[in-house]
Amino acid sequence: LVPDPEFIYLSRSHKKALTYLDYGISERAG
């Protein structure tokens, strides 16, 4: 049950969220 990044499974929704988050951090969005 521990949130281990090694086991992360990128569903369609998770992949989309990860892309958005990565973009937000890279572009220094507020």
PDB file of all heavy atoms in Angstrom:
ATOM      1  N   LEU A   1       0.803  -1.220   0.000  1.00  0.00           N
ATOM      2  CA  LEU A   1       0.000   0.000   0.000  1.00  0.00           C
ATOM      3  C   LEU A   1       0.835   1.268   0.000  1.00  0.00           C
ATOM      4  O   LEU A   1       0.301   2.358  -0.181  1.00  0.00           O
ATOM      5  CB  LEU A   1      -0.944  -0.003   1.213  1.00  0.00           C
ATOM      6  CG  LEU A   1      -1.983  -1.133   1.243  1.00  0.00           C
ATOM      7  CD1 LEU A   1      -2.893  -0.973   2.452  1.00  0.00           C
ATOM      8  CD2 LEU A   1      -2.799  -1.153  -0.035  1.00  0.00           C
ATOM      9  N   VAL A   2       2.139   1.154   0.232  1.00  0.00           N
ATOM     10  CA  VAL A   2       2.991   2.347   0.246  1.00  0.00           C
ATOM     11  C   VAL A   2       3.101   2.912  -1.169  1.00  0.00           C
ATOM     12  O   VAL A   2       3.158   2.150  -2.149  1.00  0.00           O
ATOM     13  CB  VAL A   2       4.397   2.023   0.794  1.00  0.00           C
ATOM     14  CG1 VAL A   2       4.324   1.650   2.252  1.00  0.00           C
ATOM     15  CG2 VAL A   2       5.047   0.905  -0.007  1.00  0.00           C
ATOM     16  N   PRO A   3       3.106   4.233  -1.323  1.00  0.00           N
ATOM     17  CA  PRO A   3       3.188   4.847  -2.659  1.00  0.00           C
ATOM     18  C   PRO A   3       4.595   4.764  -3.240  1.00  0.00           C
ATOM     19  O   PRO A   3       5.373   5.707  -3.157  1.00  0.00           O
ATOM     20  CB  PRO A   3       2.761   6.296  -2.403  1.00  0.00           C
ATOM     21  CG  PRO A   3       3.097   6.541  -0.969  1.00  0.00           C
ATOM     22  CD  PRO A   3       2.918   5.240  -0.251  1.00  0.00           C
ATOM     23  N   ASP A   4       4.944   3.622  -3.824  1.00  0.00           N
ATOM     24  CA  ASP A   4       6.274   3.375  -4.364  1.00  0.00           C
ATOM     25  C   ASP A   4       6.307   3.771  -5.846  1.00  0.00           C
ATOM     26  O   ASP A   4       5.623   3.148  -6.668  1.00  0.00           O
ATOM     27  CB  ASP A   4       6.612   1.892  -4.203  1.00  0.00           C
ATOM     28  CG  ASP A   4       8.053   1.576  -4.591  1.00  0.00           C
ATOM     29  OD1 ASP A   4       8.706   2.452  -5.190  1.00  0.00           O
ATOM     30  OD2 ASP A   4       8.507   0.459  -4.298  1.00  0.00           O
ATOM     31  N   PRO A   5       7.089   4.797  -6.211  1.00  0.00           N
ATOM     32  CA  PRO A   5       7.138   5.227  -7.620  1.00  0.00           C
ATOM     33  C   PRO A   5       7.601   4.128  -8.569  1.00  0.00           C
ATOM     34  O   PRO A   5       7.295   4.180  -9.761  1.00  0.00           O
ATOM     35  CB  PRO A   5       8.153   6.386  -7.590  1.00  0.00           C
ATOM     36  CG  PRO A   5       8.127   6.886  -6.179  1.00  0.00           C
ATOM     37  CD  PRO A   5       7.900   5.662  -5.337  1.00  0.00           C
ATOM     38  N   GLU A   6       8.327   3.115  -8.048  1.00  0.00           N
ATOM     39  CA  GLU A   6       8.799   2.028  -8.911  1.00  0.00           C
ATOM     40  C   GLU A   6       7.626   1.272  -9.534  1.00  0.00           C
ATOM     41  O   GLU A   6       7.725   0.745 -10.643  1.00  0.00           O
ATOM     42  CB  GLU A   6       9.663   1.060  -8.100  1.00  0.00           C
ATOM     43  CG  GLU A   6      10.225  -0.096  -8.937  1.00  0.00           C
ATOM     44  CD  GLU A   6      11.006  -1.090  -8.117  1.00  0.00           C
ATOM     45  OE1 GLU A   6      11.048  -0.939  -6.875  1.00  0.00           O
ATOM     46  OE2 GLU A   6      11.571  -2.024  -8.714  1.00  0.00           O
ATOM     47  N   PHE A   7       6.509   1.231  -8.823  1.00  0.00           N
ATOM     48  CA  PHE A   7       5.356   0.470  -9.282  1.00  0.00           C
ATOM     49  C   PHE A   7       4.330   1.318 -10.035  1.00  0.00           C
ATOM     50  O   PHE A   7       3.263   0.805 -10.365  1.00  0.00           O
ATOM     51  CB  PHE A   7       4.656  -0.195  -8.089  1.00  0.00           C
ATOM     52  CG  PHE A   7       5.353  -1.423  -7.578  1.00  0.00           C
ATOM     53  CD1 PHE A   7       6.250  -1.321  -6.529  1.00  0.00           C
ATOM     54  CD2 PHE A   7       5.112  -2.658  -8.139  1.00  0.00           C
ATOM     55  CE1 PHE A   7       6.889  -2.453  -6.050  1.00  0.00           C
ATOM     56  CE2 PHE A   7       5.747  -3.788  -7.670  1.00  0.00           C
ATOM     57  CZ  PHE A   7       6.644  -3.686  -6.617  1.00  0.00           C
ATOM     58  N   ILE A   8       4.631   2.566 -10.290  1.00  0.00           N
ATOM     59  CA  ILE A   8       3.620   3.438 -10.872  1.00  0.00           C
ATOM     60  C   ILE A   8       3.134   2.897 -12.213  1.00  0.00           C
ATOM     61  O   ILE A   8       3.909   2.477 -13.065  1.00  0.00           O
ATOM     62  CB  ILE A   8       4.148   4.880 -11.035  1.00  0.00           C
ATOM     63  CG1 ILE A   8       2.992   5.813 -11.426  1.00  0.00           C
ATOM     64  CG2 ILE A   8       5.278   4.945 -12.036  1.00  0.00           C
ATOM     65  CD1 ILE A   8       3.349   7.281 -11.369  1.00  0.00           C
ATOM     66  N   TYR A   9       1.826   2.852 -12.357  1.00  0.00           N
ATOM     67  CA  TYR A   9       1.192   2.436 -13.607  1.00  0.00           C
ATOM     68  C   TYR A   9       0.487   3.656 -14.183  1.00  0.00           C
ATOM     69  O   TYR A   9      -0.366   4.268 -13.531  1.00  0.00           O
ATOM     70  CB  TYR A   9       0.178   1.317 -13.356  1.00  0.00           C
ATOM     71  CG  TYR A   9      -0.752   1.074 -14.517  1.00  0.00           C
ATOM     72  CD1 TYR A   9      -0.313   0.397 -15.649  1.00  0.00           C
ATOM     73  CD2 TYR A   9      -2.071   1.536 -14.488  1.00  0.00           C
ATOM     74  CE1 TYR A   9      -1.160   0.182 -16.729  1.00  0.00           C
ATOM     75  CE2 TYR A   9      -2.927   1.322 -15.559  1.00  0.00           C
ATOM     76  CZ  TYR A   9      -2.465   0.646 -16.680  1.00  0.00           C
ATOM     77  OH  TYR A   9      -3.305   0.449 -17.745  1.00  0.00           O
ATOM     78  N   LEU A  10       0.866   4.011 -15.389  1.00  0.00           N
ATOM     79  CA  LEU A  10       0.314   5.213 -16.005  1.00  0.00           C
ATOM     80  C   LEU A  10      -0.892   4.856 -16.865  1.00  0.00           C
ATOM     81  O   LEU A  10      -0.757   4.478 -18.035  1.00  0.00           O
ATOM     82  CB  LEU A  10       1.383   5.922 -16.834  1.00  0.00           C
ATOM     83  CG  LEU A  10       2.565   6.504 -16.042  1.00  0.00           C
ATOM     84  CD1 LEU A  10       3.563   7.154 -16.983  1.00  0.00           C
ATOM     85  CD2 LEU A  10       2.078   7.490 -14.996  1.00  0.00           C
ATOM     86  N   SER A  11      -2.061   4.964 -16.259  1.00  0.00           N
ATOM     87  CA  SER A  11      -3.292   4.836 -17.033  1.00  0.00           C
ATOM     88  C   SER A  11      -3.420   6.071 -17.916  1.00  0.00           C
ATOM     89  O   SER A  11      -2.599   6.992 -17.857  1.00  0.00           O
ATOM     90  CB  SER A  11      -4.501   4.734 -16.101  1.00  0.00           C
ATOM     91  OG  SER A  11      -4.706   5.975 -15.434  1.00  0.00           O
ATOM     92  N   ARG A  12      -4.451   6.094 -18.732  1.00  0.00           N
ATOM     93  CA  ARG A  12      -4.656   7.266 -19.592  1.00  0.00           C
ATOM     94  C   ARG A  12      -4.784   8.535 -18.760  1.00  0.00           C
ATOM     95  O   ARG A  12      -4.212   9.583 -19.077  1.00  0.00           O
ATOM     96  CB  ARG A  12      -5.930   7.050 -20.428  1.00  0.00           C
ATOM     97  CG  ARG A  12      -6.188   8.150 -21.432  1.00  0.00           C
ATOM     98  CD  ARG A  12      -7.264   7.720 -22.413  1.00  0.00           C
ATOM     99  NE  ARG A  12      -7.581   8.826 -23.317  1.00  0.00           N
ATOM    100  CZ  ARG A  12      -8.746   9.439 -23.358  1.00  0.00           C
ATOM    101  NH1 ARG A  12      -9.703   9.088 -22.529  1.00  0.00           N
ATOM    102  NH2 ARG A  12      -8.964  10.405 -24.209  1.00  0.00           N
ATOM    103  N   SER A  13      -5.533   8.437 -17.646  1.00  0.00           N
ATOM    104  CA  SER A  13      -5.738   9.595 -16.785  1.00  0.00           C
ATOM    105  C   SER A  13      -4.451   9.996 -16.076  1.00  0.00           C
ATOM    106  O   SER A  13      -4.112  11.180 -15.985  1.00  0.00           O
ATOM    107  CB  SER A  13      -6.834   9.286 -15.754  1.00  0.00           C
ATOM    108  OG  SER A  13      -6.934  10.313 -14.803  1.00  0.00           O
ATOM    109  N   HIS A  14      -3.694   9.007 -15.569  1.00  0.00           N
ATOM    110  CA  HIS A  14      -2.454   9.300 -14.852  1.00  0.00           C
ATOM    111  C   HIS A  14      -1.400   9.893 -15.786  1.00  0.00           C
ATOM    112  O   HIS A  14      -0.649  10.796 -15.405  1.00  0.00           O
ATOM    113  CB  HIS A  14      -1.913   8.028 -14.201  1.00  0.00           C
ATOM    114  CG  HIS A  14      -2.701   7.589 -12.999  1.00  0.00           C
ATOM    115  ND1 HIS A  14      -3.971   7.087 -13.097  1.00  0.00           N
ATOM    116  CD2 HIS A  14      -2.385   7.583 -11.674  1.00  0.00           C
ATOM    117  CE1 HIS A  14      -4.415   6.793 -11.889  1.00  0.00           C
ATOM    118  NE2 HIS A  14      -3.480   7.083 -11.009  1.00  0.00           N
ATOM    119  N   LYS A  15      -1.358   9.373 -17.010  1.00  0.00           N
ATOM    120  CA  LYS A  15      -0.383   9.881 -17.969  1.00  0.00           C
ATOM    121  C   LYS A  15      -0.676  11.348 -18.306  1.00  0.00           C
ATOM    122  O   LYS A  15       0.233  12.178 -18.398  1.00  0.00           O
ATOM    123  CB  LYS A  15      -0.416   9.021 -19.228  1.00  0.00           C
ATOM    124  CG  LYS A  15       0.701   9.313 -20.221  1.00  0.00           C
ATOM    125  CD  LYS A  15       0.620   8.374 -21.422  1.00  0.00           C
ATOM    126  CE  LYS A  15       0.801   6.941 -20.998  1.00  0.00           C
ATOM    127  NZ  LYS A  15       0.806   6.011 -22.175  1.00  0.00           N
ATOM    128  N   LYS A  16      -1.961  11.652 -18.474  1.00  0.00           N
ATOM    129  CA  LYS A  16      -2.363  13.024 -18.776  1.00  0.00           C
ATOM    130  C   LYS A  16      -2.015  13.946 -17.616  1.00  0.00           C
ATOM    131  O   LYS A  16      -1.459  15.039 -17.826  1.00  0.00           O
ATOM    132  CB  LYS A  16      -3.860  13.057 -19.051  1.00  0.00           C
ATOM    133  CG  LYS A  16      -4.425  14.437 -19.330  1.00  0.00           C
ATOM    134  CD  LYS A  16      -5.926  14.357 -19.587  1.00  0.00           C
ATOM    135  CE  LYS A  16      -6.536  15.736 -19.803  1.00  0.00           C
ATOM    136  NZ  LYS A  16      -8.006  15.657 -20.016  1.00  0.00           N
ATOM    137  N   ALA A  17      -2.309  13.511 -16.384  1.00  0.00           N
ATOM    138  CA  ALA A  17      -2.009  14.334 -15.212  1.00  0.00           C
ATOM    139  C   ALA A  17      -0.506  14.553 -15.068  1.00  0.00           C
ATOM    140  O   ALA A  17      -0.054  15.659 -14.749  1.00  0.00           O
ATOM    141  CB  ALA A  17      -2.574  13.676 -13.953  1.00  0.00           C
ATOM    142  N   LEU A  18       0.281  13.501 -15.293  1.00  0.00           N
ATOM    143  CA  LEU A  18       1.736  13.627 -15.174  1.00  0.00           C
ATOM    144  C   LEU A  18       2.286  14.606 -16.205  1.00  0.00           C
ATOM    145  O   LEU A  18       3.179  15.405 -15.900  1.00  0.00           O
ATOM    146  CB  LEU A  18       2.384  12.251 -15.353  1.00  0.00           C
ATOM    147  CG  LEU A  18       3.887  12.158 -15.072  1.00  0.00           C
ATOM    148  CD1 LEU A  18       4.173  12.520 -13.619  1.00  0.00           C
ATOM    149  CD2 LEU A  18       4.403  10.769 -15.378  1.00  0.00           C
ATOM    150  N   THR A  19       1.733  14.574 -17.397  1.00  0.00           N
ATOM    151  CA  THR A  19       2.169  15.518 -18.436  1.00  0.00           C
ATOM    152  C   THR A  19       1.856  16.954 -18.034  1.00  0.00           C
ATOM    153  O   THR A  19       2.684  17.856 -18.182  1.00  0.00           O
ATOM    154  CB  THR A  19       1.480  15.189 -19.773  1.00  0.00           C
ATOM    155  OG1 THR A  19       1.805  13.851 -20.163  1.00  0.00           O
ATOM    156  CG2 THR A  19       1.915  16.152 -20.860  1.00  0.00           C
ATOM    157  N   TYR A  20       0.646  17.167 -17.502  1.00  0.00           N
ATOM    158  CA  TYR A  20       0.249  18.502 -17.066  1.00  0.00           C
ATOM    159  C   TYR A  20       1.146  19.002 -15.930  1.00  0.00           C
ATOM    160  O   TYR A  20       1.577  20.162 -15.914  1.00  0.00           O
ATOM    161  CB  TYR A  20      -1.206  18.493 -16.600  1.00  0.00           C
ATOM    162  CG  TYR A  20      -2.229  18.540 -17.705  1.00  0.00           C
ATOM    163  CD1 TYR A  20      -1.898  18.211 -19.013  1.00  0.00           C
ATOM    164  CD2 TYR A  20      -3.547  18.898 -17.451  1.00  0.00           C
ATOM    165  CE1 TYR A  20      -2.837  18.249 -20.027  1.00  0.00           C
ATOM    166  CE2 TYR A  20      -4.500  18.937 -18.465  1.00  0.00           C
ATOM    167  CZ  TYR A  20      -4.127  18.612 -19.760  1.00  0.00           C
ATOM    168  OH  TYR A  20      -5.059  18.654 -20.756  1.00  0.00           O
ATOM    169  N   LEU A  21       1.392  18.125 -14.961  1.00  0.00           N
ATOM    170  CA  LEU A  21       2.222  18.515 -13.811  1.00  0.00           C
ATOM    171  C   LEU A  21       3.639  18.838 -14.249  1.00  0.00           C
ATOM    172  O   LEU A  21       4.246  19.822 -13.788  1.00  0.00           O
ATOM    173  CB  LEU A  21       2.227  17.401 -12.772  1.00  0.00           C
ATOM    174  CG  LEU A  21       0.901  17.135 -12.045  1.00  0.00           C
ATOM    175  CD1 LEU A  21       0.982  15.857 -11.222  1.00  0.00           C
ATOM    176  CD2 LEU A  21       0.533  18.306 -11.140  1.00  0.00           C
ATOM    177  N   ASP A  22       4.185  18.002 -15.114  1.00  0.00           N
ATOM    178  CA  ASP A  22       5.540  18.220 -15.611  1.00  0.00           C
ATOM    179  C   ASP A  22       5.636  19.552 -16.347  1.00  0.00           C
ATOM    180  O   ASP A  22       6.581  20.332 -16.146  1.00  0.00           O
ATOM    181  CB  ASP A  22       5.920  17.060 -16.540  1.00  0.00           C
ATOM    182  CG  ASP A  22       7.372  17.131 -16.984  1.00  0.00           C
ATOM    183  OD1 ASP A  22       8.204  17.669 -16.227  1.00  0.00           O
ATOM    184  OD2 ASP A  22       7.683  16.651 -18.095  1.00  0.00           O
ATOM    185  N   TYR A  23       4.627  19.827 -17.163  1.00  0.00           N
ATOM    186  CA  TYR A  23       4.606  21.100 -17.883  1.00  0.00           C
ATOM    187  C   TYR A  23       4.502  22.277 -16.916  1.00  0.00           C
ATOM    188  O   TYR A  23       5.206  23.285 -17.062  1.00  0.00           O
ATOM    189  CB  TYR A  23       3.419  21.116 -18.854  1.00  0.00           C
ATOM    190  CG  TYR A  23       3.210  22.454 -19.530  1.00  0.00           C
ATOM    191  CD1 TYR A  23       3.976  22.824 -20.628  1.00  0.00           C
ATOM    192  CD2 TYR A  23       2.244  23.353 -19.046  1.00  0.00           C
ATOM    193  CE1 TYR A  23       3.785  24.066 -21.237  1.00  0.00           C
ATOM    194  CE2 TYR A  23       2.048  24.583 -19.652  1.00  0.00           C
ATOM    195  CZ  TYR A  23       2.823  24.935 -20.739  1.00  0.00           C
ATOM    196  OH  TYR A  23       2.646  26.153 -21.345  1.00  0.00           O
ATOM    197  N   GLY A  24       3.629  22.159 -15.911  1.00  0.00           N
ATOM    198  CA  GLY A  24       3.436  23.245 -14.960  1.00  0.00           C
ATOM    199  C   GLY A  24       4.691  23.581 -14.190  1.00  0.00           C
ATOM    200  O   GLY A  24       5.020  24.755 -13.977  1.00  0.00           O
ATOM    201  N   ILE A  25       5.425  22.532 -13.769  1.00  0.00           N
ATOM    202  CA  ILE A  25       6.659  22.768 -13.008  1.00  0.00           C
ATOM    203  C   ILE A  25       7.750  23.321 -13.923  1.00  0.00           C
ATOM    204  O   ILE A  25       8.480  24.255 -13.559  1.00  0.00           O
ATOM    205  CB  ILE A  25       7.114  21.473 -12.317  1.00  0.00           C
ATOM    206  CG1 ILE A  25       6.133  21.126 -11.200  1.00  0.00           C
ATOM    207  CG2 ILE A  25       8.529  21.614 -11.768  1.00  0.00           C
ATOM    208  CD1 ILE A  25       6.433  19.826 -10.491  1.00  0.00           C
ATOM    209  N   SER A  26       7.867  22.753 -15.113  1.00  0.00           N
ATOM    210  CA  SER A  26       8.901  23.219 -16.046  1.00  0.00           C
ATOM    211  C   SER A  26       8.694  24.670 -16.447  1.00  0.00           C
ATOM    212  O   SER A  26       9.651  25.439 -16.585  1.00  0.00           O
ATOM    213  CB  SER A  26       8.915  22.334 -17.302  1.00  0.00           C
ATOM    214  OG  SER A  26       9.205  20.998 -16.976  1.00  0.00           O
ATOM    215  N   GLU A  27       7.413  25.065 -16.607  1.00  0.00           N
ATOM    216  CA  GLU A  27       7.100  26.431 -17.027  1.00  0.00           C
ATOM    217  C   GLU A  27       6.886  27.383 -15.857  1.00  0.00           C
ATOM    218  O   GLU A  27       6.532  28.535 -16.050  1.00  0.00           O
ATOM    219  CB  GLU A  27       5.842  26.415 -17.905  1.00  0.00           C
ATOM    220  CG  GLU A  27       6.002  25.656 -19.209  1.00  0.00           C
ATOM    221  CD  GLU A  27       7.075  26.272 -20.094  1.00  0.00           C
ATOM    222  OE1 GLU A  27       7.102  27.519 -20.204  1.00  0.00           O
ATOM    223  OE2 GLU A  27       7.875  25.507 -20.661  1.00  0.00           O
ATOM    224  N   ARG A  28       7.053  26.857 -14.636  1.00  0.00           N
ATOM    225  CA  ARG A  28       6.902  27.660 -13.420  1.00  0.00           C
ATOM    226  C   ARG A  28       5.532  28.337 -13.348  1.00  0.00           C
ATOM    227  O   ARG A  28       5.411  29.532 -13.063  1.00  0.00           O
ATOM    228  CB  ARG A  28       8.011  28.705 -13.323  1.00  0.00           C
ATOM    229  CG  ARG A  28       9.388  28.097 -13.249  1.00  0.00           C
ATOM    230  CD  ARG A  28      10.422  29.077 -12.756  1.00  0.00           C
ATOM    231  NE  ARG A  28      11.728  28.472 -12.638  1.00  0.00           N
ATOM    232  CZ  ARG A  28      12.771  29.031 -12.033  1.00  0.00           C
ATOM    233  NH1 ARG A  28      12.630  30.251 -11.512  1.00  0.00           N
ATOM    234  NH2 ARG A  28      13.922  28.422 -11.949  1.00  0.00           N
ATOM    235  N   ALA A  29       4.498  27.550 -13.650  1.00  0.00           N
ATOM    236  CA  ALA A  29       3.136  28.061 -13.518  1.00  0.00           C
ATOM    237  C   ALA A  29       2.862  28.359 -12.050  1.00  0.00           C
ATOM    238  O   ALA A  29       3.462  27.747 -11.155  1.00  0.00           O
ATOM    239  CB  ALA A  29       2.142  27.029 -14.052  1.00  0.00           C
ATOM    240  N   GLY A  30       1.938  29.270 -11.792  1.00  0.00           N
ATOM    241  CA  GLY A  30       1.693  29.682 -10.408  1.00  0.00           C
ATOM    242  C   GLY A  30       1.148  28.559  -9.547  1.00  0.00           C
ATOM    243  O   GLY A  30       1.885  27.841  -8.876  1.00  0.00           O
TER     244      GLY A  30
END
